[in-house]
Amino acid sequence: MEQDRQLHSDAKGPRVDVFLLTKPPFSERARFCMRLISLSENAVLYLAGDGVYMLLEEALEDLPLNRIVACQEDLEARGVQAKDKTVVLVDFYERLVDDAMNEENKLYAF
């Protein structure tokens, strides 16, 4: 239950930059997303579609991310294993909408 509360950024607190990445790691959009995350002080990365391949990249470990959230269905479809720091959700899109709808947060989609 405590972990569930930590996943939601709708509690009053600092503004969160929510990044949704659906592009593969070596795409121009993915590289741009990683640059923006490196400039963020409070980033959350949501990985869906081909974006889950980012979990195979060690570059994520160097980024200032509060959390990484991955879509379970997309991980399974692509045979990608989540790393320890990654939260895998069945209700991925519901959680993404919750974070995106928080008026304090900013959403960036790639």
PDB file of N, CA and C in Angstrom:
ATOM      1  N   MET A   1       0.821  -1.193   0.000  1.00  0.00           N
ATOM      2  CA  MET A   1       0.000   0.000   0.000  1.00  0.00           C
ATOM      3  C   MET A   1       0.864   1.255   0.000  1.00  0.00           C
ATOM      4  N   GLU A   2       1.937   1.236   0.791  1.00  0.00           N
ATOM      5  CA  GLU A   2       2.840   2.385   0.822  1.00  0.00           C
ATOM      6  C   GLU A   2       3.461   2.612  -0.552  1.00  0.00           C
ATOM      7  N   GLN A   3       3.877   1.513  -1.203  1.00  0.00           N
ATOM      8  CA  GLN A   3       4.450   1.635  -2.540  1.00  0.00           C
ATOM      9  C   GLN A   3       3.414   2.211  -3.498  1.00  0.00           C
ATOM     10  N   ASP A   4       2.159   1.817  -3.352  1.00  0.00           N
ATOM     11  CA  ASP A   4       1.093   2.323  -4.209  1.00  0.00           C
ATOM     12  C   ASP A   4       0.959   3.832  -4.057  1.00  0.00           C
ATOM     13  N   ARG A   5       1.058   4.343  -2.845  1.00  0.00           N
ATOM     14  CA  ARG A   5       0.980   5.790  -2.623  1.00  0.00           C
ATOM     15  C   ARG A   5       2.169   6.504  -3.251  1.00  0.00           C
ATOM     16  N   GLN A   6       3.329   5.880  -3.201  1.00  0.00           N
ATOM     17  CA  GLN A   6       4.522   6.495  -3.763  1.00  0.00           C
ATOM     18  C   GLN A   6       4.461   6.570  -5.281  1.00  0.00           C
ATOM     19  N   LEU A   7       3.707   5.692  -5.908  1.00  0.00           N
ATOM     20  CA  LEU A   7       3.604   5.698  -7.362  1.00  0.00           C
ATOM     21  C   LEU A   7       2.799   6.872  -7.865  1.00  0.00           C
ATOM     22  N   HIS A   8       1.878   7.343  -7.078  1.00  0.00           N
ATOM     23  CA  HIS A   8       1.038   8.455  -7.496  1.00  0.00           C
ATOM     24  C   HIS A   8       1.689   9.766  -7.113  1.00  0.00           C
ATOM     25  N   SER A   9       1.760  10.670  -8.062  1.00  0.00           N
ATOM     26  CA  SER A   9       2.322  11.983  -7.746  1.00  0.00           C
ATOM     27  C   SER A   9       1.218  12.993  -7.506  1.00  0.00           C
ATOM     28  N   ASP A  10      -0.029  12.504  -7.301  1.00  0.00           N
ATOM     29  CA  ASP A  10      -1.127  13.444  -7.114  1.00  0.00           C
ATOM     30  C   ASP A  10      -1.213  13.955  -5.678  1.00  0.00           C
ATOM     31  N   ALA A  11      -0.407  13.419  -4.796  1.00  0.00           N
ATOM     32  CA  ALA A  11      -0.351  13.982  -3.451  1.00  0.00           C
ATOM     33  C   ALA A  11       0.345  15.332  -3.542  1.00  0.00           C
ATOM     34  N   LYS A  12      -0.019  16.238  -2.660  1.00  0.00           N
ATOM     35  CA  LYS A  12       0.618  17.556  -2.689  1.00  0.00           C
ATOM     36  C   LYS A  12       2.106  17.393  -2.424  1.00  0.00           C
ATOM     37  N   GLY A  13       2.881  17.897  -3.305  1.00  0.00           N
ATOM     38  CA  GLY A  13       4.321  17.789  -3.198  1.00  0.00           C
ATOM     39  C   GLY A  13       4.938  18.525  -4.362  1.00  0.00           C
ATOM     40  N   PRO A  14       6.205  18.264  -4.616  1.00  0.00           N
ATOM     41  CA  PRO A  14       6.870  18.986  -5.698  1.00  0.00           C
ATOM     42  C   PRO A  14       6.293  18.606  -7.060  1.00  0.00           C
ATOM     43  N   ARG A  15       6.406  19.547  -7.981  1.00  0.00           N
ATOM     44  CA  ARG A  15       5.964  19.300  -9.349  1.00  0.00           C
ATOM     45  C   ARG A  15       6.814  18.185  -9.940  1.00  0.00           C
ATOM     46  N   VAL A  16       6.194  17.350 -10.747  1.00  0.00           N
ATOM     47  CA  VAL A  16       6.880  16.234 -11.379  1.00  0.00           C
ATOM     48  C   VAL A  16       6.844  16.426 -12.891  1.00  0.00           C
ATOM     49  N   ASP A  17       7.960  16.153 -13.537  1.00  0.00           N
ATOM     50  CA  ASP A  17       8.014  16.121 -14.994  1.00  0.00           C
ATOM     51  C   ASP A  17       7.770  14.678 -15.417  1.00  0.00           C
ATOM     52  N   VAL A  18       6.641  14.431 -16.068  1.00  0.00           N
ATOM     53  CA  VAL A  18       6.248  13.093 -16.494  1.00  0.00           C
ATOM     54  C   VAL A  18       6.662  12.922 -17.955  1.00  0.00           C
ATOM     55  N   PHE A  19       7.508  11.939 -18.218  1.00  0.00           N
ATOM     56  CA  PHE A  19       7.977  11.662 -19.575  1.00  0.00           C
ATOM     57  C   PHE A  19       7.395  10.331 -20.031  1.00  0.00           C
ATOM     58  N   LEU A  20       6.698  10.334 -21.164  1.00  0.00           N
ATOM     59  CA  LEU A  20       6.179   9.112 -21.778  1.00  0.00           C
ATOM     60  C   LEU A  20       7.016   8.841 -23.016  1.00  0.00           C
ATOM     61  N   LEU A  21       7.694   7.708 -23.031  1.00  0.00           N
ATOM     62  CA  LEU A  21       8.546   7.351 -24.164  1.00  0.00           C
ATOM     63  C   LEU A  21       8.026   6.072 -24.805  1.00  0.00           C
ATOM     64  N   THR A  22       7.703   6.154 -26.088  1.00  0.00           N
ATOM     65  CA  THR A  22       7.222   4.993 -26.843  1.00  0.00           C
ATOM     66  C   THR A  22       8.155   4.655 -28.008  1.00  0.00           C
ATOM     67  N   LYS A  23       9.239   5.382 -28.141  1.00  0.00           N
ATOM     68  CA  LYS A  23      10.177   5.199 -29.260  1.00  0.00           C
ATOM     69  C   LYS A  23      11.359   4.339 -28.833  1.00  0.00           C
ATOM     70  N   PRO A  24      12.001   3.622 -29.777  1.00  0.00           N
ATOM     71  CA  PRO A  24      13.162   2.786 -29.446  1.00  0.00           C
ATOM     72  C   PRO A  24      14.374   3.635 -29.050  1.00  0.00           C
ATOM     73  N   PRO A  25      15.333   3.032 -28.354  1.00  0.00           N
ATOM     74  CA  PRO A  25      16.456   3.769 -27.774  1.00  0.00           C
ATOM     75  C   PRO A  25      17.271   4.631 -28.733  1.00  0.00           C
ATOM     76  N   PHE A  26      17.478   4.199 -29.939  1.00  0.00           N
ATOM     77  CA  PHE A  26      18.375   4.942 -30.825  1.00  0.00           C
ATOM     78  C   PHE A  26      17.647   5.900 -31.755  1.00  0.00           C
ATOM     79  N   SER A  27      16.380   6.134 -31.489  1.00  0.00           N
ATOM     80  CA  SER A  27      15.641   7.108 -32.295  1.00  0.00           C
ATOM     81  C   SER A  27      15.994   8.521 -31.833  1.00  0.00           C
ATOM     82  N   GLU A  28      15.820   9.463 -32.723  1.00  0.00           N
ATOM     83  CA  GLU A  28      16.093  10.869 -32.403  1.00  0.00           C
ATOM     84  C   GLU A  28      15.200  11.343 -31.257  1.00  0.00           C
ATOM     85  N   ARG A  29      13.937  10.912 -31.250  1.00  0.00           N
ATOM     86  CA  ARG A  29      12.992  11.313 -30.199  1.00  0.00           C
ATOM     87  C   ARG A  29      13.427  10.774 -28.835  1.00  0.00           C
ATOM     88  N   ALA A  30      13.914   9.536 -28.795  1.00  0.00           N
ATOM     89  CA  ALA A  30      14.370   8.957 -27.524  1.00  0.00           C
ATOM     90  C   ALA A  30      15.594   9.706 -27.004  1.00  0.00           C
ATOM     91  N   ARG A  31      16.511  10.043 -27.885  1.00  0.00           N
ATOM     92  CA  ARG A  31      17.697  10.797 -27.460  1.00  0.00           C
ATOM     93  C   ARG A  31      17.302  12.171 -26.925  1.00  0.00           C
ATOM     94  N   PHE A  32      16.338  12.822 -27.587  1.00  0.00           N
ATOM     95  CA  PHE A  32      15.862  14.126 -27.124  1.00  0.00           C
ATOM     96  C   PHE A  32      15.197  13.996 -25.751  1.00  0.00           C
ATOM     97  N   CYS A  33      14.411  12.941 -25.571  1.00  0.00           N
ATOM     98  CA  CYS A  33      13.760  12.682 -24.283  1.00  0.00           C
ATOM     99  C   CYS A  33      14.809  12.523 -23.180  1.00  0.00           C
ATOM    100  N   MET A  34      15.867  11.770 -23.442  1.00  0.00           N
ATOM    101  CA  MET A  34      16.915  11.554 -22.445  1.00  0.00           C
ATOM    102  C   MET A  34      17.623  12.865 -22.092  1.00  0.00           C
ATOM    103  N   ARG A  35      17.819  13.725 -23.085  1.00  0.00           N
ATOM    104  CA  ARG A  35      18.443  15.033 -22.806  1.00  0.00           C
ATOM    105  C   ARG A  35      17.559  15.868 -21.894  1.00  0.00           C
ATOM    106  N   LEU A  36      16.248  15.878 -22.164  1.00  0.00           N
ATOM    107  CA  LEU A  36      15.334  16.649 -21.313  1.00  0.00           C
ATOM    108  C   LEU A  36      15.285  16.089 -19.897  1.00  0.00           C
ATOM    109  N   ILE A  37      15.287  14.777 -19.770  1.00  0.00           N
ATOM    110  CA  ILE A  37      15.281  14.158 -18.441  1.00  0.00           C
ATOM    111  C   ILE A  37      16.532  14.564 -17.669  1.00  0.00           C
ATOM    112  N   SER A  38      17.656  14.629 -18.350  1.00  0.00           N
ATOM    113  CA  SER A  38      18.905  14.993 -17.664  1.00  0.00           C
ATOM    114  C   SER A  38      18.853  16.415 -17.109  1.00  0.00           C
ATOM    115  N   LEU A  39      17.975  17.254 -17.651  1.00  0.00           N
ATOM    116  CA  LEU A  39      17.824  18.630 -17.172  1.00  0.00           C
ATOM    117  C   LEU A  39      16.740  18.773 -16.103  1.00  0.00           C
ATOM    118  N   SER A  40      15.970  17.729 -15.902  1.00  0.00           N
ATOM    119  CA  SER A  40      14.860  17.771 -14.949  1.00  0.00           C
ATOM    120  C   SER A  40      15.351  17.480 -13.536  1.00  0.00           C
ATOM    121  N   GLU A  41      14.708  18.111 -12.576  1.00  0.00           N
ATOM    122  CA  GLU A  41      15.050  17.857 -11.175  1.00  0.00           C
ATOM    123  C   GLU A  41      14.133  16.823 -10.534  1.00  0.00           C
ATOM    124  N   ASN A  42      13.012  16.524 -11.180  1.00  0.00           N
ATOM    125  CA  ASN A  42      12.034  15.625 -10.584  1.00  0.00           C
ATOM    126  C   ASN A  42      11.316  14.862 -11.696  1.00  0.00           C
ATOM    127  N   ALA A  43      12.031  13.947 -12.348  1.00  0.00           N
ATOM    128  CA  ALA A  43      11.508  13.250 -13.524  1.00  0.00           C
ATOM    129  C   ALA A  43      10.969  11.871 -13.190  1.00  0.00           C
ATOM    130  N   VAL A  44       9.884  11.525 -13.878  1.00  0.00           N
ATOM    131  CA  VAL A  44       9.313  10.186 -13.846  1.00  0.00           C
ATOM    132  C   VAL A  44       9.226   9.734 -15.293  1.00  0.00           C
ATOM    133  N   LEU A  45       9.752   8.551 -15.593  1.00  0.00           N
ATOM    134  CA  LEU A  45       9.767   8.040 -16.957  1.00  0.00           C
ATOM    135  C   LEU A  45       8.791   6.882 -17.089  1.00  0.00           C
ATOM    136  N   TYR A  46       7.817   7.040 -17.979  1.00  0.00           N
ATOM    137  CA  TYR A  46       6.878   5.979 -18.325  1.00  0.00           C
ATOM    138  C   TYR A  46       7.319   5.382 -19.652  1.00  0.00           C
ATOM    139  N   LEU A  47       7.497   4.061 -19.690  1.00  0.00           N
ATOM    140  CA  LEU A  47       7.932   3.371 -20.901  1.00  0.00           C
ATOM    141  C   LEU A  47       6.818   2.482 -21.430  1.00  0.00           C
ATOM    142  N   ALA A  48       6.464   2.695 -22.703  1.00  0.00           N
ATOM    143  CA  ALA A  48       5.434   1.888 -23.362  1.00  0.00           C
ATOM    144  C   ALA A  48       5.887   1.623 -24.792  1.00  0.00           C
ATOM    145  N   GLY A  49       5.243   0.658 -25.446  1.00  0.00           N
ATOM    146  CA  GLY A  49       5.607   0.346 -26.826  1.00  0.00           C
ATOM    147  C   GLY A  49       7.088   0.012 -26.912  1.00  0.00           C
ATOM    148  N   ASP A  50       7.734   0.484 -27.976  1.00  0.00           N
ATOM    149  CA  ASP A  50       9.168   0.232 -28.149  1.00  0.00           C
ATOM    150  C   ASP A  50      10.024   0.961 -27.121  1.00  0.00           C
ATOM    151  N   GLY A  51       9.426   1.860 -26.363  1.00  0.00           N
ATOM    152  CA  GLY A  51      10.152   2.551 -25.306  1.00  0.00           C
ATOM    153  C   GLY A  51      10.666   1.609 -24.229  1.00  0.00           C
ATOM    154  N   VAL A  52      10.030   0.433 -24.071  1.00  0.00           N
ATOM    155  CA  VAL A  52      10.489  -0.514 -23.045  1.00  0.00           C
ATOM    156  C   VAL A  52      11.895  -1.023 -23.340  1.00  0.00           C
ATOM    157  N   TYR A  53      12.340  -0.918 -24.589  1.00  0.00           N
ATOM    158  CA  TYR A  53      13.709  -1.316 -24.917  1.00  0.00           C
ATOM    159  C   TYR A  53      14.739  -0.435 -24.218  1.00  0.00           C
ATOM    160  N   MET A  54      14.329   0.711 -23.722  1.00  0.00           N
ATOM    161  CA  MET A  54      15.244   1.579 -22.967  1.00  0.00           C
ATOM    162  C   MET A  54      15.761   0.870 -21.719  1.00  0.00           C
ATOM    163  N   LEU A  55      15.022  -0.102 -21.217  1.00  0.00           N
ATOM    164  CA  LEU A  55      15.464  -0.841 -20.033  1.00  0.00           C
ATOM    165  C   LEU A  55      16.714  -1.666 -20.322  1.00  0.00           C
ATOM    166  N   LEU A  56      17.015  -1.878 -21.595  1.00  0.00           N
ATOM    167  CA  LEU A  56      18.225  -2.605 -21.974  1.00  0.00           C
ATOM    168  C   LEU A  56      19.442  -1.691 -22.017  1.00  0.00           C
ATOM    169  N   GLU A  57      19.214  -0.399 -21.901  1.00  0.00           N
ATOM    170  CA  GLU A  57      20.285   0.594 -21.981  1.00  0.00           C
ATOM    171  C   GLU A  57      20.781   0.958 -20.575  1.00  0.00           C
ATOM    172  N   GLU A  58      22.077   1.016 -20.410  1.00  0.00           N
ATOM    173  CA  GLU A  58      22.649   1.413 -19.126  1.00  0.00           C
ATOM    174  C   GLU A  58      22.561   2.916 -18.907  1.00  0.00           C
ATOM    175  N   ALA A  59      22.260   3.659 -19.961  1.00  0.00           N
ATOM    176  CA  ALA A  59      22.183   5.123 -19.863  1.00  0.00           C
ATOM    177  C   ALA A  59      21.122   5.574 -18.865  1.00  0.00           C
ATOM    178  N   LEU A  60      20.093   4.783 -18.651  1.00  0.00           N
ATOM    179  CA  LEU A  60      19.035   5.152 -17.705  1.00  0.00           C
ATOM    180  C   LEU A  60      19.564   5.274 -16.282  1.00  0.00           C
ATOM    181  N   GLU A  61      20.588   4.500 -15.958  1.00  0.00           N
ATOM    182  CA  GLU A  61      21.124   4.504 -14.598  1.00  0.00           C
ATOM    183  C   GLU A  61      21.790   5.828 -14.240  1.00  0.00           C
ATOM    184  N   ASP A  62      22.224   6.574 -15.231  1.00  0.00           N
ATOM    185  CA  ASP A  62      22.910   7.844 -14.986  1.00  0.00           C
ATOM    186  C   ASP A  62      21.956   9.030 -14.931  1.00  0.00           C
ATOM    187  N   LEU A  63      20.688   8.806 -15.236  1.00  0.00           N
ATOM    188  CA  LEU A  63      19.727   9.912 -15.290  1.00  0.00           C
ATOM    189  C   LEU A  63      19.109  10.182 -13.922  1.00  0.00           C
ATOM    190  N   PRO A  64      18.751  11.434 -13.663  1.00  0.00           N
ATOM    191  CA  PRO A  64      18.136  11.798 -12.375  1.00  0.00           C
ATOM    192  C   PRO A  64      16.646  11.460 -12.353  1.00  0.00           C
ATOM    193  N   LEU A  65      16.330  10.172 -12.311  1.00  0.00           N
ATOM    194  CA  LEU A  65      14.933   9.738 -12.345  1.00  0.00           C
ATOM    195  C   LEU A  65      14.432   9.395 -10.952  1.00  0.00           C
ATOM    196  N   ASN A  66      13.234   9.887 -10.619  1.00  0.00           N
ATOM    197  CA  ASN A  66      12.598   9.498  -9.361  1.00  0.00           C
ATOM    198  C   ASN A  66      12.062   8.081  -9.458  1.00  0.00           C
ATOM    199  N   ARG A  67      11.515   7.752 -10.614  1.00  0.00           N
ATOM    200  CA  ARG A  67      11.041   6.386 -10.821  1.00  0.00           C
ATOM    201  C   ARG A  67      10.902   6.108 -12.307  1.00  0.00           C
ATOM    202  N   ILE A  68      10.965   4.821 -12.635  1.00  0.00           N
ATOM    203  CA  ILE A  68      10.740   4.342 -13.994  1.00  0.00           C
ATOM    204  C   ILE A  68       9.549   3.404 -13.914  1.00  0.00           C
ATOM    205  N   VAL A  69       8.564   3.638 -14.769  1.00  0.00           N
ATOM    206  CA  VAL A  69       7.352   2.829 -14.787  1.00  0.00           C
ATOM    207  C   VAL A  69       7.227   2.219 -16.177  1.00  0.00           C
ATOM    208  N   ALA A  70       7.023   0.906 -16.252  1.00  0.00           N
ATOM    209  CA  ALA A  70       6.925   0.225 -17.542  1.00  0.00           C
ATOM    210  C   ALA A  70       5.596  -0.505 -17.663  1.00  0.00           C
ATOM    211  N   CYS A  71       5.120  -0.593 -18.889  1.00  0.00           N
ATOM    212  CA  CYS A  71       3.867  -1.285 -19.194  1.00  0.00           C
ATOM    213  C   CYS A  71       4.135  -2.788 -19.262  1.00  0.00           C
ATOM    214  N   GLN A  72       3.480  -3.555 -18.405  1.00  0.00           N
ATOM    215  CA  GLN A  72       3.695  -4.993 -18.337  1.00  0.00           C
ATOM    216  C   GLN A  72       3.402  -5.668 -19.675  1.00  0.00           C
ATOM    217  N   GLU A  73       2.318  -5.292 -20.312  1.00  0.00           N
ATOM    218  CA  GLU A  73       1.928  -5.894 -21.589  1.00  0.00           C
ATOM    219  C   GLU A  73       3.015  -5.693 -22.653  1.00  0.00           C
ATOM    220  N   ASP A  74       3.601  -4.503 -22.706  1.00  0.00           N
ATOM    221  CA  ASP A  74       4.635  -4.214 -23.702  1.00  0.00           C
ATOM    222  C   ASP A  74       5.949  -4.917 -23.375  1.00  0.00           C
ATOM    223  N   LEU A  75       6.271  -5.052 -22.099  1.00  0.00           N
ATOM    224  CA  LEU A  75       7.460  -5.812 -21.703  1.00  0.00           C
ATOM    225  C   LEU A  75       7.330  -7.263 -22.149  1.00  0.00           C
ATOM    226  N   GLU A  76       6.177  -7.857 -21.866  1.00  0.00           N
ATOM    227  CA  GLU A  76       5.946  -9.256 -22.226  1.00  0.00           C
ATOM    228  C   GLU A  76       5.960  -9.450 -23.736  1.00  0.00           C
ATOM    229  N   ALA A  77       5.338  -8.541 -24.474  1.00  0.00           N
ATOM    230  CA  ALA A  77       5.263  -8.660 -25.931  1.00  0.00           C
ATOM    231  C   ALA A  77       6.646  -8.594 -26.579  1.00  0.00           C
ATOM    232  N   ARG A  78       7.584  -7.887 -25.951  1.00  0.00           N
ATOM    233  CA  ARG A  78       8.918  -7.703 -26.520  1.00  0.00           C
ATOM    234  C   ARG A  78       9.979  -8.553 -25.826  1.00  0.00           C
ATOM    235  N   GLY A  79       9.587  -9.318 -24.832  1.00  0.00           N
ATOM    236  CA  GLY A  79      10.530 -10.190 -24.141  1.00  0.00           C
ATOM    237  C   GLY A  79      11.593  -9.444 -23.352  1.00  0.00           C
ATOM    238  N   VAL A  80      11.246  -8.269 -22.848  1.00  0.00           N
ATOM    239  CA  VAL A  80      12.190  -7.447 -22.086  1.00  0.00           C
ATOM    240  C   VAL A  80      11.935  -7.653 -20.597  1.00  0.00           C
ATOM    241  N   GLN A  81      13.009  -7.810 -19.837  1.00  0.00           N
ATOM    242  CA  GLN A  81      12.907  -7.961 -18.389  1.00  0.00           C
ATOM    243  C   GLN A  81      13.110  -6.608 -17.714  1.00  0.00           C
ATOM    244  N   ALA A  82      12.278  -6.319 -16.743  1.00  0.00           N
ATOM    245  CA  ALA A  82      12.407  -5.069 -15.988  1.00  0.00           C
ATOM    246  C   ALA A  82      13.563  -5.183 -15.007  1.00  0.00           C
ATOM    247  N   LYS A  83      14.222  -4.062 -14.769  1.00  0.00           N
ATOM    248  CA  LYS A  83      15.308  -4.027 -13.790  1.00  0.00           C
ATOM    249  C   LYS A  83      14.727  -3.736 -12.408  1.00  0.00           C
ATOM    250  N   ASP A  84      15.580  -3.844 -11.392  1.00  0.00           N
ATOM    251  CA  ASP A  84      15.145  -3.698 -10.003  1.00  0.00           C
ATOM    252  C   ASP A  84      14.419  -2.394  -9.720  1.00  0.00           C
ATOM    253  N   LYS A  85      14.893  -1.297 -10.269  1.00  0.00           N
ATOM    254  CA  LYS A  85      14.322   0.009  -9.955  1.00  0.00           C
ATOM    255  C   LYS A  85      13.072   0.330 -10.771  1.00  0.00           C
ATOM    256  N   THR A  86      12.666  -0.578 -11.641  1.00  0.00           N
ATOM    257  CA  THR A  86      11.525  -0.335 -12.524  1.00  0.00           C
ATOM    258  C   THR A  86      10.246  -0.878 -11.905  1.00  0.00           C
ATOM    259  N   VAL A  87       9.212  -0.066 -11.916  1.00  0.00           N
ATOM    260  CA  VAL A  87       7.894  -0.491 -11.462  1.00  0.00           C
ATOM    261  C   VAL A  87       7.124  -0.954 -12.690  1.00  0.00           C
ATOM    262  N   VAL A  88       6.649  -2.197 -12.665  1.00  0.00           N
ATOM    263  CA  VAL A  88       5.895  -2.761 -13.782  1.00  0.00           C
ATOM    264  C   VAL A  88       4.425  -2.781 -13.392  1.00  0.00           C
ATOM    265  N   LEU A  89       3.597  -2.181 -14.240  1.00  0.00           N
ATOM    266  CA  LEU A  89       2.179  -2.047 -13.914  1.00  0.00           C
ATOM    267  C   LEU A  89       1.274  -2.673 -14.964  1.00  0.00           C
ATOM    268  N   VAL A  90       0.238  -3.353 -14.482  1.00  0.00           N
ATOM    269  CA  VAL A  90      -0.824  -3.834 -15.362  1.00  0.00           C
ATOM    270  C   VAL A  90      -1.713  -2.652 -15.730  1.00  0.00           C
ATOM    271  N   ASP A  91      -1.962  -1.774 -14.769  1.00  0.00           N
ATOM    272  CA  ASP A  91      -2.814  -0.594 -14.997  1.00  0.00           C
ATOM    273  C   ASP A  91      -1.966   0.627 -15.374  1.00  0.00           C
ATOM    274  N   PHE A  92      -1.005   0.403 -16.236  1.00  0.00           N
ATOM    275  CA  PHE A  92      -0.029   1.412 -16.653  1.00  0.00           C
ATOM    276  C   PHE A  92      -0.689   2.708 -17.124  1.00  0.00           C
ATOM    277  N   TYR A  93      -1.640   2.595 -18.037  1.00  0.00           N
ATOM    278  CA  TYR A  93      -2.235   3.804 -18.620  1.00  0.00           C
ATOM    279  C   TYR A  93      -3.100   4.558 -17.618  1.00  0.00           C
ATOM    280  N   GLU A  94      -3.729   3.848 -16.712  1.00  0.00           N
ATOM    281  CA  GLU A  94      -4.501   4.509 -15.657  1.00  0.00           C
ATOM    282  C   GLU A  94      -3.570   5.354 -14.781  1.00  0.00           C
ATOM    283  N   ARG A  95      -2.433   4.799 -14.423  1.00  0.00           N
ATOM    284  CA  ARG A  95      -1.463   5.531 -13.599  1.00  0.00           C
ATOM    285  C   ARG A  95      -0.873   6.716 -14.357  1.00  0.00           C
ATOM    286  N   LEU A  96      -0.601   6.509 -15.638  1.00  0.00           N
ATOM    287  CA  LEU A  96      -0.071   7.600 -16.462  1.00  0.00           C
ATOM    288  C   LEU A  96      -1.057   8.763 -16.511  1.00  0.00           C
ATOM    289  N   VAL A  97      -2.321   8.460 -16.703  1.00  0.00           N
ATOM    290  CA  VAL A  97      -3.347   9.505 -16.741  1.00  0.00           C
ATOM    291  C   VAL A  97      -3.433  10.204 -15.389  1.00  0.00           C
ATOM    292  N   ASP A  98      -3.356   9.447 -14.302  1.00  0.00           N
ATOM    293  CA  ASP A  98      -3.370  10.063 -12.965  1.00  0.00           C
ATOM    294  C   ASP A  98      -2.242  11.084 -12.823  1.00  0.00           C
ATOM    295  N   ASP A  99      -1.037  10.697 -13.228  1.00  0.00           N
ATOM    296  CA  ASP A  99       0.101  11.619 -13.138  1.00  0.00           C
ATOM    297  C   ASP A  99      -0.064  12.800 -14.090  1.00  0.00           C
ATOM    298  N   ALA A 100      -0.548  12.531 -15.283  1.00  0.00           N
ATOM    299  CA  ALA A 100      -0.690  13.592 -16.287  1.00  0.00           C
ATOM    300  C   ALA A 100      -1.767  14.602 -15.909  1.00  0.00           C
ATOM    301  N   MET A 101      -2.801  14.162 -15.231  1.00  0.00           N
ATOM    302  CA  MET A 101      -3.918  15.045 -14.894  1.00  0.00           C
ATOM    303  C   MET A 101      -3.639  15.928 -13.681  1.00  0.00           C
ATOM    304  N   ASN A 102      -2.600  15.629 -12.953  1.00  0.00           N
ATOM    305  CA  ASN A 102      -2.236  16.467 -11.814  1.00  0.00           C
ATOM    306  C   ASN A 102      -1.813  17.830 -12.344  1.00  0.00           C
ATOM    307  N   GLU A 103      -2.493  18.875 -11.912  1.00  0.00           N
ATOM    308  CA  GLU A 103      -2.237  20.214 -12.454  1.00  0.00           C
ATOM    309  C   GLU A 103      -0.843  20.735 -12.131  1.00  0.00           C
ATOM    310  N   GLU A 104      -0.169  20.145 -11.158  1.00  0.00           N
ATOM    311  CA  GLU A 104       1.192  20.565 -10.812  1.00  0.00           C
ATOM    312  C   GLU A 104       2.225  19.989 -11.785  1.00  0.00           C
ATOM    313  N   ASN A 105       1.883  18.888 -12.436  1.00  0.00           N
ATOM    314  CA  ASN A 105       2.843  18.159 -13.261  1.00  0.00           C
ATOM    315  C   ASN A 105       2.854  18.645 -14.699  1.00  0.00           C
ATOM    316  N   LYS A 106       3.965  18.357 -15.370  1.00  0.00           N
ATOM    317  CA  LYS A 106       4.083  18.607 -16.805  1.00  0.00           C
ATOM    318  C   LYS A 106       4.292  17.268 -17.491  1.00  0.00           C
ATOM    319  N   LEU A 107       3.650  17.089 -18.655  1.00  0.00           N
ATOM    320  CA  LEU A 107       3.756  15.844 -19.412  1.00  0.00           C
ATOM    321  C   LEU A 107       4.502  16.106 -20.712  1.00  0.00           C
ATOM    322  N   TYR A 108       5.479  15.246 -20.985  1.00  0.00           N
ATOM    323  CA  TYR A 108       6.234  15.292 -22.236  1.00  0.00           C
ATOM    324  C   TYR A 108       6.100  13.920 -22.887  1.00  0.00           C
ATOM    325  N   ALA A 109       5.637  13.880 -24.124  1.00  0.00           N
ATOM    326  CA  ALA A 109       5.427  12.600 -24.810  1.00  0.00           C
ATOM    327  C   ALA A 109       6.349  12.481 -26.018  1.00  0.00           C
ATOM    328  N   PHE A 110       6.991  11.332 -26.109  1.00  0.00           N
ATOM    329  CA  PHE A 110       7.917  11.061 -27.211  1.00  0.00           C
ATOM    330  C   PHE A 110       7.610   9.713 -27.827  1.00  0.00           C
TER     331      PHE A 110
END
